[in-house]
Structure formats: structure tokens, C-alpha cells
Amino acid sequence: MENKDDEPKSDASEEGKEDFQQLYLEQKKNAEEYLTRLKYMQADFENFKKRVAKEKMETIMIATEAVMEDVLPVLDEFEQAIVHFPEGDGKKGVEMIFANLSKSLKMHGLSQIPLKSGDLFDPDLHEAVGEEKTADEKLKGKVAKIVQKGYMLNGIVMRFAKVMVFTKE
């Protein structure tokens, strides 16, 4: 005995399977699109965090540079005071204050450009403000005298060392 209802059920169940598969494929496609979007958003957010961190560091550097520019003349004045201060306890106190100030500034990235008379003139670090004539060929192009110390902030020249340079007579 044949059941007439079986055939339509079979077609209906096949249709149901096809509908289900189609729905499954659509949902899978949607899920893949959402995952792709999420990955892009995550990458954008990571880039945003990096950009904000970089901008924050740049802002700190600009502020630090501005403060250091204001402090450099004070360092120069301290050094002059030490040179001209009479010997005794007062001079030792000024030297200690200068040493502590220098140490604090160094901790924040300020360093003196290493330089002494006789060093080779380096236009990337030194500014020639005058010349001294010499007959000694070996001294030509070397630093004759340091007029003002130079400073770097985190490896970048803040103030060039002002120097006198030996030139040929």
C-alpha cells in the first residue's frame, strides 16, 4: 500500500533541506563578513592606539624642549657663578646645586655635547663664531676655543656648541 503523502513529504523535506542549506550559506557568508569587519576594526583600533601614543610622546617632547630651552641660560649662569664665586663653603653649595640640577636634567634627556679644544670641528654639532689663525697645519679645522657649551635633548641637538676654529694663517 502506497502512501500518497510520502512523495510530497519527500519533496517538502528536500525543499526544506535546500532552504536550510541556503539559509546556512547566507548566515555563514554574513558571519565571515562580520569577522572581516571585526578584524579591520581591530586593526584600525590598534593603529589608533599607536597614533595616540606617538602624538602623546611628541607633545611631551615639545613641552620638554620648551622647558629645557628656558633652563639652558640658567645652566650657563650657574657655570659662570661657579667660576667667579670665591672659594669656600658657599662655592661648594653652588656647585652641589648645579650638580643636582644637571643630574635631574640628564634624567630627562638633556646632555652636554662632548667637546674640548683640539677636537675636530663638526658642523652637525658646532657653530663656528670666529676663527683663530695658526701656522700649525695639524690644527687647521679644529676647535680652538669653546665660547658656549652645546646641548642635546634625547640625542637631538638643542643648542649647537659655539666655538672658535683654527684656520690657516
N, C-alpha and C. Protein backbone atom coordinates (compact mmCIF):
# COMPACT_ATOMS: atom_id res chain seq x y z
N MET A 1 0.82 -1.17 0.00
CA MET A 1 0.00 0.00 0.00
C MET A 1 0.87 1.24 0.00
N GLU A 2 0.57 2.00 -0.96
CA GLU A 2 1.39 3.19 -1.16
C GLU A 2 0.75 4.38 -0.48
N ASN A 3 1.59 5.14 0.16
CA ASN A 3 1.10 6.35 0.81
C ASN A 3 1.38 7.53 -0.10
N LYS A 4 0.28 8.17 -0.46
CA LYS A 4 0.41 9.31 -1.36
C LYS A 4 1.06 10.50 -0.67
N ASP A 5 0.95 10.53 0.61
CA ASP A 5 1.52 11.66 1.36
C ASP A 5 3.05 11.58 1.44
N ASP A 6 3.59 10.36 1.20
CA ASP A 6 5.04 10.21 1.31
C ASP A 6 5.79 11.00 0.26
N GLU A 7 5.29 10.95 -0.96
CA GLU A 7 6.01 11.68 -2.02
C GLU A 7 6.05 13.18 -1.77
N PRO A 8 4.97 13.82 -1.52
CA PRO A 8 5.06 15.27 -1.26
C PRO A 8 5.91 15.58 -0.04
N LYS A 9 5.87 14.72 0.93
CA LYS A 9 6.72 14.95 2.11
C LYS A 9 8.18 14.89 1.71
N SER A 10 8.49 13.95 0.86
CA SER A 10 9.86 13.80 0.41
C SER A 10 10.29 15.07 -0.33
N ASP A 11 9.46 15.57 -1.21
CA ASP A 11 9.77 16.82 -1.91
C ASP A 11 9.86 17.98 -0.93
N ALA A 12 8.96 17.97 0.01
CA ALA A 12 8.95 19.05 1.00
C ALA A 12 10.20 18.98 1.86
N SER A 13 10.58 17.75 2.21
CA SER A 13 11.77 17.63 3.04
C SER A 13 13.02 18.01 2.25
N GLU A 14 13.04 17.69 0.94
CA GLU A 14 14.16 18.12 0.08
C GLU A 14 14.18 19.63 -0.04
N GLU A 15 13.00 20.23 -0.21
CA GLU A 15 12.91 21.69 -0.27
C GLU A 15 13.37 22.30 1.04
N GLY A 16 13.00 21.68 2.14
CA GLY A 16 13.40 22.17 3.46
C GLY A 16 14.91 22.10 3.62
N LYS A 17 15.49 21.00 3.14
CA LYS A 17 16.94 20.87 3.22
C LYS A 17 17.62 21.95 2.39
N GLU A 18 17.11 22.17 1.19
CA GLU A 18 17.70 23.19 0.31
C GLU A 18 17.56 24.58 0.93
N ASP A 19 16.37 24.85 1.49
CA ASP A 19 16.17 26.15 2.15
C ASP A 19 17.12 26.30 3.34
N PHE A 20 17.24 25.22 4.08
CA PHE A 20 18.13 25.24 5.23
C PHE A 20 19.58 25.45 4.80
N GLN A 21 19.99 24.75 3.74
CA GLN A 21 21.36 24.91 3.24
C GLN A 21 21.59 26.33 2.73
N GLN A 22 20.60 26.86 2.04
CA GLN A 22 20.73 28.22 1.53
C GLN A 22 20.81 29.21 2.69
N LEU A 23 19.97 29.03 3.69
CA LEU A 23 19.99 29.88 4.87
C LEU A 23 21.33 29.75 5.60
N TYR A 24 21.81 28.51 5.70
CA TYR A 24 23.10 28.24 6.34
C TYR A 24 24.22 28.96 5.59
N LEU A 25 24.24 28.87 4.27
CA LEU A 25 25.28 29.52 3.47
C LEU A 25 25.20 31.04 3.60
N GLU A 26 24.00 31.60 3.64
CA GLU A 26 23.84 33.05 3.81
C GLU A 26 24.38 33.48 5.18
N GLN A 27 24.01 32.71 6.21
CA GLN A 27 24.47 33.04 7.56
C GLN A 27 25.99 32.89 7.68
N LYS A 28 26.52 31.86 7.03
CA LYS A 28 27.98 31.67 7.04
C LYS A 28 28.66 32.84 6.35
N LYS A 29 28.10 33.29 5.22
CA LYS A 29 28.66 34.43 4.50
C LYS A 29 28.59 35.69 5.37
N ASN A 30 27.45 35.89 6.05
CA ASN A 30 27.30 37.04 6.95
C ASN A 30 28.32 36.98 8.08
N ALA A 31 28.50 35.79 8.64
CA ALA A 31 29.46 35.63 9.73
C ALA A 31 30.87 35.95 9.25
N GLU A 32 31.22 35.49 8.05
CA GLU A 32 32.55 35.78 7.51
C GLU A 32 32.73 37.28 7.28
N GLU A 33 31.68 37.96 6.78
CA GLU A 33 31.74 39.41 6.58
C GLU A 33 31.91 40.13 7.91
N TYR A 34 31.17 39.68 8.94
CA TYR A 34 31.29 40.29 10.26
C TYR A 34 32.69 40.08 10.83
N LEU A 35 33.23 38.88 10.64
CA LEU A 35 34.57 38.60 11.12
C LEU A 35 35.60 39.47 10.41
N THR A 36 35.45 39.64 9.11
CA THR A 36 36.36 40.50 8.34
C THR A 36 36.26 41.94 8.84
N ARG A 37 35.02 42.42 9.03
CA ARG A 37 34.83 43.78 9.55
C ARG A 37 35.47 43.93 10.92
N LEU A 38 35.27 42.93 11.75
CA LEU A 38 35.83 42.98 13.09
C LEU A 38 37.36 43.05 13.04
N LYS A 39 37.96 42.27 12.16
CA LYS A 39 39.41 42.29 12.03
C LYS A 39 39.90 43.67 11.57
N TYR A 40 39.18 44.28 10.60
CA TYR A 40 39.55 45.63 10.16
C TYR A 40 39.41 46.63 11.29
N MET A 41 38.31 46.50 12.03
CA MET A 41 38.10 47.43 13.15
C MET A 41 39.19 47.25 14.21
N GLN A 42 39.56 46.03 14.47
CA GLN A 42 40.61 45.76 15.44
C GLN A 42 41.94 46.36 14.96
N ALA A 43 42.25 46.19 13.69
CA ALA A 43 43.48 46.76 13.14
C ALA A 43 43.43 48.29 13.20
N ASP A 44 42.28 48.87 12.86
CA ASP A 44 42.12 50.33 12.94
C ASP A 44 42.32 50.82 14.37
N PHE A 45 41.77 50.07 15.32
CA PHE A 45 41.90 50.47 16.72
C PHE A 45 43.36 50.39 17.17
N GLU A 46 44.05 49.34 16.78
CA GLU A 46 45.48 49.22 17.12
C GLU A 46 46.27 50.38 16.52
N ASN A 47 45.99 50.73 15.27
CA ASN A 47 46.65 51.87 14.63
C ASN A 47 46.32 53.16 15.35
N PHE A 48 45.08 53.30 15.78
CA PHE A 48 44.65 54.48 16.54
C PHE A 48 45.43 54.58 17.85
N LYS A 49 45.55 53.46 18.56
CA LYS A 49 46.29 53.47 19.83
C LYS A 49 47.74 53.86 19.60
N LYS A 50 48.36 53.33 18.54
CA LYS A 50 49.75 53.67 18.23
C LYS A 50 49.89 55.15 17.89
N ARG A 51 48.93 55.67 17.10
CA ARG A 51 48.98 57.07 16.72
C ARG A 51 48.82 57.98 17.93
N VAL A 52 47.91 57.64 18.83
CA VAL A 52 47.70 58.44 20.04
C VAL A 52 48.95 58.41 20.92
N ALA A 53 49.56 57.23 21.06
CA ALA A 53 50.78 57.12 21.86
C ALA A 53 51.90 57.96 21.25
N LYS A 54 52.03 57.91 19.92
CA LYS A 54 53.06 58.70 19.23
C LYS A 54 52.81 60.20 19.43
N GLU A 55 51.56 60.62 19.27
CA GLU A 55 51.22 62.03 19.45
C GLU A 55 51.47 62.48 20.89
N LYS A 56 51.20 61.60 21.83
CA LYS A 56 51.44 61.91 23.24
C LYS A 56 52.93 62.13 23.47
N MET A 57 53.76 61.23 22.92
CA MET A 57 55.21 61.36 23.08
C MET A 57 55.71 62.64 22.42
N GLU A 58 55.17 62.97 21.24
CA GLU A 58 55.58 64.19 20.55
C GLU A 58 55.21 65.41 21.39
N THR A 59 54.05 65.40 22.00
CA THR A 59 53.62 66.51 22.85
C THR A 59 54.54 66.65 24.05
N ILE A 60 54.88 65.53 24.66
CA ILE A 60 55.80 65.55 25.81
C ILE A 60 57.15 66.09 25.38
N MET A 61 57.64 65.65 24.21
CA MET A 61 58.94 66.12 23.72
C MET A 61 58.92 67.63 23.47
N ILE A 62 57.84 68.13 22.89
CA ILE A 62 57.75 69.57 22.61
C ILE A 62 57.74 70.35 23.92
N ALA A 63 56.98 69.87 24.90
CA ALA A 63 56.92 70.55 26.19
C ALA A 63 58.28 70.48 26.89
N THR A 64 58.92 69.33 26.84
CA THR A 64 60.24 69.17 27.47
C THR A 64 61.25 70.09 26.81
N GLU A 65 61.20 70.15 25.50
CA GLU A 65 62.14 71.01 24.76
C GLU A 65 61.95 72.48 25.16
N ALA A 66 60.70 72.90 25.29
CA ALA A 66 60.42 74.29 25.66
C ALA A 66 60.98 74.60 27.05
N VAL A 67 60.79 73.69 27.98
CA VAL A 67 61.31 73.89 29.34
C VAL A 67 62.84 73.91 29.32
N MET A 68 63.44 72.98 28.58
CA MET A 68 64.90 72.91 28.52
C MET A 68 65.49 74.18 27.90
N GLU A 69 64.83 74.73 26.89
CA GLU A 69 65.30 75.98 26.28
C GLU A 69 65.33 77.11 27.30
N ASP A 70 64.35 77.10 28.21
CA ASP A 70 64.32 78.12 29.26
C ASP A 70 65.38 77.87 30.33
N VAL A 71 65.74 76.61 30.53
CA VAL A 71 66.68 76.25 31.59
C VAL A 71 68.14 76.43 31.15
N LEU A 72 68.43 76.31 29.85
CA LEU A 72 69.83 76.40 29.39
C LEU A 72 70.53 77.69 29.82
N PRO A 73 69.89 78.86 29.72
CA PRO A 73 70.57 80.07 30.20
C PRO A 73 70.87 80.02 31.71
N VAL A 74 70.00 79.36 32.46
CA VAL A 74 70.23 79.22 33.91
C VAL A 74 71.47 78.34 34.14
N LEU A 75 71.62 77.28 33.36
CA LEU A 75 72.83 76.44 33.47
C LEU A 75 74.08 77.26 33.18
N ASP A 76 74.01 78.07 32.11
CA ASP A 76 75.15 78.92 31.75
C ASP A 76 75.49 79.87 32.90
N GLU A 77 74.47 80.47 33.50
CA GLU A 77 74.69 81.41 34.60
C GLU A 77 75.27 80.71 35.82
N PHE A 78 74.80 79.49 36.09
CA PHE A 78 75.36 78.71 37.20
C PHE A 78 76.84 78.46 36.98
N GLU A 79 77.20 78.06 35.77
CA GLU A 79 78.61 77.80 35.47
C GLU A 79 79.45 79.05 35.65
N GLN A 80 78.93 80.19 35.20
CA GLN A 80 79.66 81.45 35.37
C GLN A 80 79.78 81.82 36.85
N ALA A 81 78.71 81.56 37.60
CA ALA A 81 78.75 81.86 39.03
C ALA A 81 79.81 81.01 39.73
N ILE A 82 79.90 79.75 39.35
CA ILE A 82 80.89 78.86 39.96
C ILE A 82 82.31 79.34 39.66
N VAL A 83 82.55 79.77 38.42
CA VAL A 83 83.88 80.25 38.02
C VAL A 83 84.26 81.49 38.82
N HIS A 84 83.31 82.40 39.03
CA HIS A 84 83.61 83.68 39.66
C HIS A 84 83.33 83.72 41.16
N PHE A 85 82.78 82.65 41.70
CA PHE A 85 82.45 82.61 43.12
C PHE A 85 83.73 82.41 43.92
N PRO A 86 83.89 83.13 45.03
CA PRO A 86 85.10 82.94 45.84
C PRO A 86 85.10 81.54 46.49
N GLU A 87 86.29 81.02 46.70
CA GLU A 87 86.43 79.69 47.31
C GLU A 87 85.81 79.69 48.71
N GLY A 88 85.28 78.55 49.08
CA GLY A 88 84.72 78.40 50.41
C GLY A 88 83.46 77.56 50.38
N ASP A 89 82.76 77.56 51.52
CA ASP A 89 81.56 76.74 51.64
C ASP A 89 80.45 77.18 50.69
N GLY A 90 80.36 78.48 50.46
CA GLY A 90 79.33 78.99 49.55
C GLY A 90 79.50 78.45 48.14
N LYS A 91 80.74 78.41 47.67
CA LYS A 91 81.02 77.89 46.33
C LYS A 91 80.68 76.41 46.25
N LYS A 92 81.02 75.67 47.32
CA LYS A 92 80.71 74.24 47.33
C LYS A 92 79.19 74.02 47.26
N GLY A 93 78.45 74.86 47.95
CA GLY A 93 76.98 74.76 47.92
C GLY A 93 76.43 75.02 46.53
N VAL A 94 76.96 76.05 45.86
CA VAL A 94 76.52 76.36 44.49
C VAL A 94 76.88 75.21 43.55
N GLU A 95 78.08 74.65 43.74
CA GLU A 95 78.49 73.51 42.90
C GLU A 95 77.57 72.31 43.11
N MET A 96 77.17 72.07 44.36
CA MET A 96 76.26 70.95 44.64
C MET A 96 74.89 71.17 44.01
N ILE A 97 74.39 72.38 44.08
CA ILE A 97 73.10 72.70 43.47
C ILE A 97 73.19 72.51 41.96
N PHE A 98 74.28 73.00 41.37
CA PHE A 98 74.49 72.84 39.93
C PHE A 98 74.57 71.37 39.55
N ALA A 99 75.26 70.58 40.34
CA ALA A 99 75.39 69.14 40.06
C ALA A 99 74.02 68.45 40.13
N ASN A 100 73.23 68.79 41.14
CA ASN A 100 71.89 68.19 41.27
C ASN A 100 70.99 68.60 40.12
N LEU A 101 71.06 69.87 39.72
CA LEU A 101 70.25 70.34 38.60
C LEU A 101 70.67 69.62 37.32
N SER A 102 71.97 69.52 37.10
CA SER A 102 72.47 68.83 35.90
C SER A 102 72.03 67.37 35.88
N LYS A 103 72.11 66.71 37.03
CA LYS A 103 71.69 65.31 37.13
C LYS A 103 70.20 65.15 36.80
N SER A 104 69.38 66.04 37.34
CA SER A 104 67.93 65.98 37.07
C SER A 104 67.63 66.20 35.59
N LEU A 105 68.31 67.16 34.99
CA LEU A 105 68.09 67.44 33.57
C LEU A 105 68.55 66.27 32.71
N LYS A 106 69.64 65.63 33.11
CA LYS A 106 70.15 64.48 32.37
C LYS A 106 69.14 63.33 32.42
N MET A 107 68.47 63.16 33.55
CA MET A 107 67.46 62.12 33.69
C MET A 107 66.28 62.36 32.73
N HIS A 108 66.10 63.60 32.32
CA HIS A 108 65.03 63.95 31.39
C HIS A 108 65.52 64.09 29.95
N GLY A 109 66.75 63.61 29.69
CA GLY A 109 67.24 63.54 28.32
C GLY A 109 68.20 64.62 27.88
N LEU A 110 68.53 65.58 28.75
CA LEU A 110 69.45 66.64 28.36
C LEU A 110 70.88 66.19 28.57
N SER A 111 71.72 66.36 27.56
CA SER A 111 73.13 66.02 27.71
C SER A 111 73.97 67.09 27.03
N GLN A 112 75.13 67.29 27.58
CA GLN A 112 76.06 68.27 27.03
C GLN A 112 76.77 67.63 25.83
N ILE A 113 76.97 68.41 24.79
CA ILE A 113 77.71 67.91 23.63
C ILE A 113 79.17 67.79 24.06
N PRO A 114 79.72 66.57 24.00
CA PRO A 114 81.12 66.40 24.44
C PRO A 114 82.06 67.16 23.51
N LEU A 115 82.89 68.00 24.11
CA LEU A 115 83.75 68.85 23.28
C LEU A 115 84.89 69.40 24.13
N LYS A 116 86.06 69.43 23.50
CA LYS A 116 87.22 70.07 24.14
C LYS A 116 88.05 70.74 23.05
N SER A 117 88.87 71.66 23.44
CA SER A 117 89.75 72.32 22.48
C SER A 117 90.62 71.27 21.81
N GLY A 118 90.81 71.41 20.52
CA GLY A 118 91.62 70.46 19.75
C GLY A 118 90.78 69.41 19.05
N ASP A 119 89.48 69.31 19.41
CA ASP A 119 88.59 68.37 18.70
C ASP A 119 88.34 68.90 17.29
N LEU A 120 88.06 68.01 16.38
CA LEU A 120 87.75 68.38 15.01
C LEU A 120 86.40 69.09 14.96
N PHE A 121 86.33 70.20 14.23
CA PHE A 121 85.08 70.94 14.08
C PHE A 121 84.06 70.07 13.36
N ASP A 122 82.85 69.97 13.92
CA ASP A 122 81.76 69.17 13.35
C ASP A 122 80.56 70.09 13.16
N PRO A 123 80.22 70.44 11.91
CA PRO A 123 79.10 71.36 11.68
C PRO A 123 77.75 70.81 12.12
N ASP A 124 77.66 69.50 12.36
CA ASP A 124 76.41 68.93 12.86
C ASP A 124 76.22 69.17 14.36
N LEU A 125 77.31 69.53 15.04
CA LEU A 125 77.26 69.75 16.49
C LEU A 125 77.76 71.12 16.92
N HIS A 126 78.56 71.76 16.06
CA HIS A 126 79.22 73.01 16.44
C HIS A 126 78.82 74.15 15.52
N GLU A 127 78.86 75.33 16.09
CA GLU A 127 78.63 76.55 15.30
C GLU A 127 79.90 77.40 15.42
N ALA A 128 80.52 77.68 14.28
CA ALA A 128 81.74 78.50 14.29
C ALA A 128 81.33 79.96 14.44
N VAL A 129 81.83 80.61 15.50
CA VAL A 129 81.51 82.02 15.72
C VAL A 129 82.73 82.91 15.50
N GLY A 130 83.85 82.30 15.19
CA GLY A 130 85.07 83.06 14.92
C GLY A 130 86.20 82.11 14.57
N GLU A 131 87.33 82.72 14.25
CA GLU A 131 88.47 81.89 13.88
C GLU A 131 89.73 82.42 14.54
N GLU A 132 90.66 81.52 14.70
CA GLU A 132 91.99 81.87 15.20
C GLU A 132 93.00 81.37 14.18
N LYS A 133 93.88 82.25 13.78
CA LYS A 133 94.90 81.89 12.79
C LYS A 133 95.99 81.04 13.44
N THR A 134 96.49 80.08 12.67
CA THR A 134 97.57 79.23 13.16
C THR A 134 98.48 78.83 12.00
N ALA A 135 99.74 78.68 12.32
CA ALA A 135 100.70 78.22 11.32
C ALA A 135 100.78 76.69 11.32
N ASP A 136 100.30 76.07 12.40
CA ASP A 136 100.34 74.61 12.54
C ASP A 136 99.24 73.98 11.67
N GLU A 137 99.68 73.29 10.63
CA GLU A 137 98.76 72.68 9.67
C GLU A 137 97.87 71.62 10.35
N LYS A 138 98.38 70.97 11.38
CA LYS A 138 97.62 69.90 12.07
C LYS A 138 96.41 70.44 12.82
N LEU A 139 96.45 71.72 13.21
CA LEU A 139 95.35 72.30 13.97
C LEU A 139 94.23 72.85 13.08
N LYS A 140 94.51 73.03 11.80
CA LYS A 140 93.52 73.60 10.89
C LYS A 140 92.21 72.79 10.92
N GLY A 141 91.10 73.49 11.12
CA GLY A 141 89.79 72.84 11.15
C GLY A 141 89.42 72.25 12.50
N LYS A 142 90.26 72.53 13.49
CA LYS A 142 89.96 72.02 14.84
C LYS A 142 89.47 73.15 15.73
N VAL A 143 88.83 72.77 16.83
CA VAL A 143 88.27 73.74 17.78
C VAL A 143 89.41 74.40 18.55
N ALA A 144 89.45 75.74 18.49
CA ALA A 144 90.46 76.50 19.21
C ALA A 144 89.98 76.85 20.62
N LYS A 145 88.70 77.22 20.71
CA LYS A 145 88.16 77.67 21.99
C LYS A 145 86.65 77.42 22.01
N ILE A 146 86.15 77.05 23.16
CA ILE A 146 84.70 76.86 23.33
C ILE A 146 84.13 78.15 23.90
N VAL A 147 83.24 78.78 23.14
CA VAL A 147 82.64 80.04 23.58
C VAL A 147 81.39 79.76 24.41
N GLN A 148 80.59 78.79 23.99
CA GLN A 148 79.38 78.42 24.72
C GLN A 148 79.13 76.92 24.52
N LYS A 149 78.81 76.24 25.59
CA LYS A 149 78.55 74.79 25.52
C LYS A 149 77.29 74.51 24.72
N GLY A 150 77.30 73.36 24.07
CA GLY A 150 76.14 72.92 23.32
C GLY A 150 75.43 71.79 24.06
N TYR A 151 74.14 71.62 23.74
CA TYR A 151 73.35 70.60 24.43
C TYR A 151 72.48 69.84 23.45
N MET A 152 72.23 68.58 23.83
CA MET A 152 71.34 67.72 23.06
C MET A 152 70.20 67.28 23.98
N LEU A 153 69.03 67.10 23.38
CA LEU A 153 67.89 66.57 24.12
C LEU A 153 67.49 65.27 23.45
N ASN A 154 67.67 64.18 24.18
CA ASN A 154 67.37 62.84 23.65
C ASN A 154 68.05 62.59 22.30
N GLY A 155 69.31 62.99 22.21
CA GLY A 155 70.10 62.73 21.01
C GLY A 155 69.92 63.73 19.88
N ILE A 156 69.09 64.75 20.07
CA ILE A 156 68.85 65.76 19.04
C ILE A 156 69.45 67.08 19.53
N VAL A 157 70.22 67.72 18.66
CA VAL A 157 70.88 68.97 19.05
C VAL A 157 69.83 70.03 19.37
N MET A 158 69.94 70.54 20.60
CA MET A 158 69.06 71.64 21.03
C MET A 158 69.75 72.98 20.83
N ARG A 159 71.03 72.99 21.18
CA ARG A 159 71.82 74.20 21.00
C ARG A 159 73.21 73.78 20.58
N PHE A 160 73.64 74.28 19.44
CA PHE A 160 74.98 73.98 18.93
C PHE A 160 76.02 74.59 19.86
N ALA A 161 77.14 73.92 20.01
CA ALA A 161 78.25 74.47 20.77
C ALA A 161 78.87 75.59 19.93
N LYS A 162 79.01 76.74 20.53
CA LYS A 162 79.61 77.87 19.81
C LYS A 162 81.12 77.82 20.05
N VAL A 163 81.88 77.82 18.94
CA VAL A 163 83.33 77.61 19.04
C VAL A 163 84.10 78.56 18.13
N MET A 164 85.35 78.73 18.50
CA MET A 164 86.33 79.39 17.63
C MET A 164 87.08 78.26 16.95
N VAL A 165 87.39 78.44 15.65
CA VAL A 165 88.04 77.37 14.87
C VAL A 165 89.39 77.85 14.39
N PHE A 166 90.37 76.95 14.44
CA PHE A 166 91.69 77.27 13.89
C PHE A 166 91.61 77.31 12.37
N THR A 167 92.22 78.34 11.79
CA THR A 167 92.32 78.43 10.32
C THR A 167 93.79 78.73 9.97
N LYS A 168 94.12 78.51 8.72
CA LYS A 168 95.50 78.73 8.25
C LYS A 168 95.79 80.22 8.20
N GLU A 169 97.00 80.57 8.59
CA GLU A 169 97.43 81.98 8.53
C GLU A 169 97.49 82.48 7.12
